Amino acid sequence: MKFNTNIVRGFLWGSCLIGVSSFLQGADQKTAPDQSDSAAQANNPLANTTAINFQNYYVGEFTGLDEDANQFILRAAQPFKIYDTEWLARASLPLNTVPDNGGHTTGLGDFNIFAAYLFDTGNPGLSIGIGPQLTAPTASDDRVGSEKWSAGFAQVLFDASSKVVQYGYLLTWQASFAGDDSAPDVNEGAFQPFVFYQMGGGLYARSTGIMVYDFESDDYTIPLGLGLGKVFPTKEIVYNVYVEPQYSLVDRGNSFPQWQVFAGLNLQF
């Protein structure tokens, strides 16, 4: 299947226009009483809200490989309780487009879910969670998935004590334990530090590049991202739209993005 980059460009430009227009409209309107609180919590992966995320990574070039690709991710998060303990479940399903013999193949990728136990930190601005994660080989084509069952853990910290600067990280690791014997084993760790700087009116700067280390091949990537986002709360839903170009500063191996553009729309209910 031939990959149409115009679709991705349209998505990215649309995200930019939504953010700019929302910012301009907000400049002439009275700030909602809870807008600063909404802006501070809008990027919290452990926020005690139901959330739906539409995220897209357009890879313009891979390390050591002059090819492009795309990954669209549908993601949902839901808080729940086990007896008196607080938990958050997050599930993700990607739609991957990858290079294939001069063209591209598109298909559903592997389904991932993790459940994080939420610690009572005593600080309403500080969220800490840890729990197991599982990846199922649901890919519609072996070229867009791992063909392996994998399991591991996810650990998250997010500090929104300040309404100006929020920061934290997501640390994950998983390894394969079953699946197609002919497929490569999975043993991968990822560390995603994130920083958000609020500039007022719901507009913010962001950096959320994901560092990855492949324990099977010793390949790795350390990217840097810098982008903009816009949060605009309504009575029922907090909308968060953003665009963030990312570039690999240090890397080893041919399977990582040399540069990519991350864009998305997050909804918190």
Foldseek 3Di string as FASTA:
>chain_A
DADDCVVVVVVQVVLVVVFVVLLVVLVPDDDDPCLLVCLLCVPPPPDQFKKWKWKKKWFCQWVVGRDIWMKIKTKIKHWDDDVPWIKMKMKIKIWIWDDDDNGIDTWIEKIKMWMWTWDPPVQVQKTKTKTKMWIGGPIPDVVRYQQFIKMWMKIWIWGSVDSFKIWIKIKIWMWGDDGDPVGDTFTKIKMWIKMWGDPDSQKIKIWTDIWMATPVVRKIWDKTKIWMKGWDDDPPKIKIWIKIKMATPDIDDGPGRRIIMMIIIMITD
